[in-house]
């Protein structure tokens, strides 16, 4: 991989991890069960994206 490609993967990993963390933090503060479930699923999706990108390395 080129340096530029590695930087892109690093950025993608960072974004996926950031969104996962923010979704988890937000879900912990939500009272509505349906909305909380949705945001929790978003966190899981971003964890999956992170794992997929990491797996490419």
N, C-alpha and C. Protein backbone atom coordinates (compact mmCIF):
# COMPACT_ATOMS: atom_id res chain seq x y z
N UNK A 1 0.83 -1.19 0.00
CA UNK A 1 0.00 0.00 0.00
C UNK A 1 0.87 1.24 0.00
N UNK A 2 0.35 2.25 -0.63
CA UNK A 2 1.07 3.53 -0.62
C UNK A 2 0.82 4.24 0.71
N UNK A 3 1.61 5.24 0.95
CA UNK A 3 1.44 6.05 2.16
C UNK A 3 0.06 6.69 2.19
N UNK A 4 -0.37 7.18 1.05
CA UNK A 4 -1.68 7.83 0.97
C UNK A 4 -2.80 6.84 1.27
N UNK A 5 -2.68 5.63 0.77
CA UNK A 5 -3.70 4.60 1.03
C UNK A 5 -3.73 4.22 2.51
N UNK A 6 -2.56 4.12 3.11
CA UNK A 6 -2.50 3.80 4.54
C UNK A 6 -3.11 4.92 5.38
N UNK A 7 -2.89 6.17 4.98
CA UNK A 7 -3.51 7.29 5.69
C UNK A 7 -5.03 7.25 5.56
N UNK A 8 -5.51 6.86 4.38
CA UNK A 8 -6.95 6.73 4.20
C UNK A 8 -7.53 5.66 5.12
N UNK A 9 -6.87 4.52 5.19
CA UNK A 9 -7.35 3.43 6.05
C UNK A 9 -7.30 3.88 7.51
N UNK A 10 -6.23 4.57 7.90
CA UNK A 10 -6.12 5.07 9.27
C UNK A 10 -7.27 6.03 9.59
N UNK A 11 -7.57 6.93 8.67
CA UNK A 11 -8.69 7.86 8.86
C UNK A 11 -10.02 7.11 8.97
N UNK A 12 -10.22 6.14 8.10
CA UNK A 12 -11.47 5.36 8.12
C UNK A 12 -11.62 4.62 9.44
N UNK A 13 -10.54 4.04 9.92
CA UNK A 13 -10.58 3.35 11.22
C UNK A 13 -10.92 4.32 12.34
N UNK A 14 -10.30 5.49 12.31
CA UNK A 14 -10.56 6.49 13.34
C UNK A 14 -12.00 6.97 13.32
N UNK A 15 -12.54 7.20 12.12
CA UNK A 15 -13.93 7.64 12.02
C UNK A 15 -14.90 6.58 12.51
N UNK A 16 -14.68 5.34 12.12
CA UNK A 16 -15.56 4.26 12.55
C UNK A 16 -15.53 4.12 14.07
N UNK A 17 -14.34 4.19 14.65
CA UNK A 17 -14.20 4.07 16.11
C UNK A 17 -14.87 5.25 16.82
N UNK A 18 -14.69 6.46 16.26
CA UNK A 18 -15.31 7.65 16.84
C UNK A 18 -16.83 7.54 16.84
N UNK A 19 -17.40 7.16 15.68
CA UNK A 19 -18.85 7.04 15.59
C UNK A 19 -19.38 5.95 16.50
N UNK A 20 -18.65 4.86 16.62
CA UNK A 20 -19.06 3.79 17.53
C UNK A 20 -19.12 4.31 18.98
N UNK A 21 -18.07 4.99 19.37
CA UNK A 21 -17.99 5.53 20.74
C UNK A 21 -19.11 6.53 21.00
N UNK A 22 -19.34 7.43 20.06
CA UNK A 22 -20.38 8.44 20.24
C UNK A 22 -21.77 7.81 20.28
N UNK A 23 -22.01 6.79 19.45
CA UNK A 23 -23.30 6.11 19.49
C UNK A 23 -23.51 5.40 20.82
N UNK A 24 -22.46 4.78 21.33
CA UNK A 24 -22.57 4.09 22.63
C UNK A 24 -22.85 5.10 23.75
N UNK A 25 -22.14 6.22 23.72
CA UNK A 25 -22.36 7.25 24.74
C UNK A 25 -23.78 7.79 24.66
N UNK A 26 -24.24 8.04 23.45
CA UNK A 26 -25.59 8.57 23.26
C UNK A 26 -26.64 7.57 23.69
N UNK A 27 -26.46 6.31 23.31
CA UNK A 27 -27.42 5.26 23.68
C UNK A 27 -27.56 5.14 25.19
N UNK A 28 -26.46 5.32 25.90
CA UNK A 28 -26.52 5.20 27.36
C UNK A 28 -27.33 6.31 28.01
N UNK A 29 -27.57 7.41 27.27
CA UNK A 29 -28.30 8.54 27.82
C UNK A 29 -29.76 8.61 27.35
N UNK A 30 -30.13 7.75 26.42
CA UNK A 30 -31.48 7.80 25.85
C UNK A 30 -32.45 7.00 26.71
N UNK A 31 -33.61 7.58 26.96
CA UNK A 31 -34.64 6.93 27.77
C UNK A 31 -35.59 6.10 26.92
N UNK A 32 -35.92 6.57 25.73
CA UNK A 32 -36.86 5.88 24.85
C UNK A 32 -36.24 4.56 24.38
N UNK A 33 -36.90 3.45 24.66
CA UNK A 33 -36.36 2.12 24.37
C UNK A 33 -36.14 1.88 22.87
N UNK A 34 -37.08 2.32 22.07
CA UNK A 34 -36.97 2.10 20.62
C UNK A 34 -35.80 2.89 20.03
N UNK A 35 -35.67 4.14 20.42
CA UNK A 35 -34.57 4.97 19.94
C UNK A 35 -33.23 4.46 20.46
N UNK A 36 -33.22 4.04 21.71
CA UNK A 36 -32.00 3.50 22.30
C UNK A 36 -31.55 2.26 21.54
N UNK A 37 -32.49 1.42 21.19
CA UNK A 37 -32.18 0.21 20.43
C UNK A 37 -31.59 0.56 19.07
N UNK A 38 -32.17 1.55 18.41
CA UNK A 38 -31.68 1.98 17.10
C UNK A 38 -30.25 2.51 17.19
N UNK A 39 -29.98 3.35 18.17
CA UNK A 39 -28.65 3.93 18.31
C UNK A 39 -27.63 2.85 18.70
N UNK A 40 -28.04 1.90 19.49
CA UNK A 40 -27.18 0.78 19.85
C UNK A 40 -26.82 -0.04 18.61
N UNK A 41 -27.78 -0.22 17.73
CA UNK A 41 -27.52 -0.94 16.48
C UNK A 41 -26.56 -0.15 15.59
N UNK A 42 -26.66 1.17 15.61
CA UNK A 42 -25.72 1.99 14.86
C UNK A 42 -24.29 1.80 15.41
N UNK A 43 -24.17 1.73 16.72
CA UNK A 43 -22.86 1.51 17.34
C UNK A 43 -22.30 0.15 16.91
N UNK A 44 -23.15 -0.85 16.87
CA UNK A 44 -22.71 -2.18 16.45
C UNK A 44 -22.29 -2.17 14.98
N UNK A 45 -23.01 -1.43 14.16
CA UNK A 45 -22.68 -1.33 12.74
C UNK A 45 -21.31 -0.68 12.55
N UNK A 46 -21.04 0.38 13.31
CA UNK A 46 -19.75 1.04 13.20
C UNK A 46 -18.63 0.15 13.74
N UNK A 47 -18.91 -0.68 14.72
CA UNK A 47 -17.92 -1.65 15.20
C UNK A 47 -17.62 -2.65 14.09
N UNK A 48 -18.65 -3.08 13.38
CA UNK A 48 -18.48 -4.02 12.28
C UNK A 48 -17.65 -3.38 11.15
N UNK A 49 -17.91 -2.13 10.85
CA UNK A 49 -17.15 -1.41 9.83
C UNK A 49 -15.68 -1.33 10.24
N UNK A 50 -15.45 -1.00 11.52
CA UNK A 50 -14.08 -0.93 12.03
C UNK A 50 -13.38 -2.27 11.86
N UNK A 51 -14.04 -3.35 12.23
CA UNK A 51 -13.45 -4.68 12.12
C UNK A 51 -13.16 -5.04 10.66
N UNK A 52 -14.06 -4.67 9.76
CA UNK A 52 -13.85 -4.95 8.34
C UNK A 52 -12.62 -4.21 7.80
N UNK A 53 -12.51 -2.92 8.14
CA UNK A 53 -11.34 -2.16 7.70
C UNK A 53 -10.07 -2.73 8.31
N UNK A 54 -10.12 -3.04 9.60
CA UNK A 54 -8.95 -3.57 10.29
C UNK A 54 -8.53 -4.91 9.68
N UNK A 55 -9.53 -5.69 9.29
CA UNK A 55 -9.27 -6.98 8.66
C UNK A 55 -8.55 -6.86 7.32
N UNK A 56 -8.70 -5.73 6.66
CA UNK A 56 -8.01 -5.52 5.40
C UNK A 56 -6.50 -5.39 5.58
N UNK A 57 -6.10 -5.02 6.77
CA UNK A 57 -4.67 -4.86 7.04
C UNK A 57 -4.05 -6.21 7.28
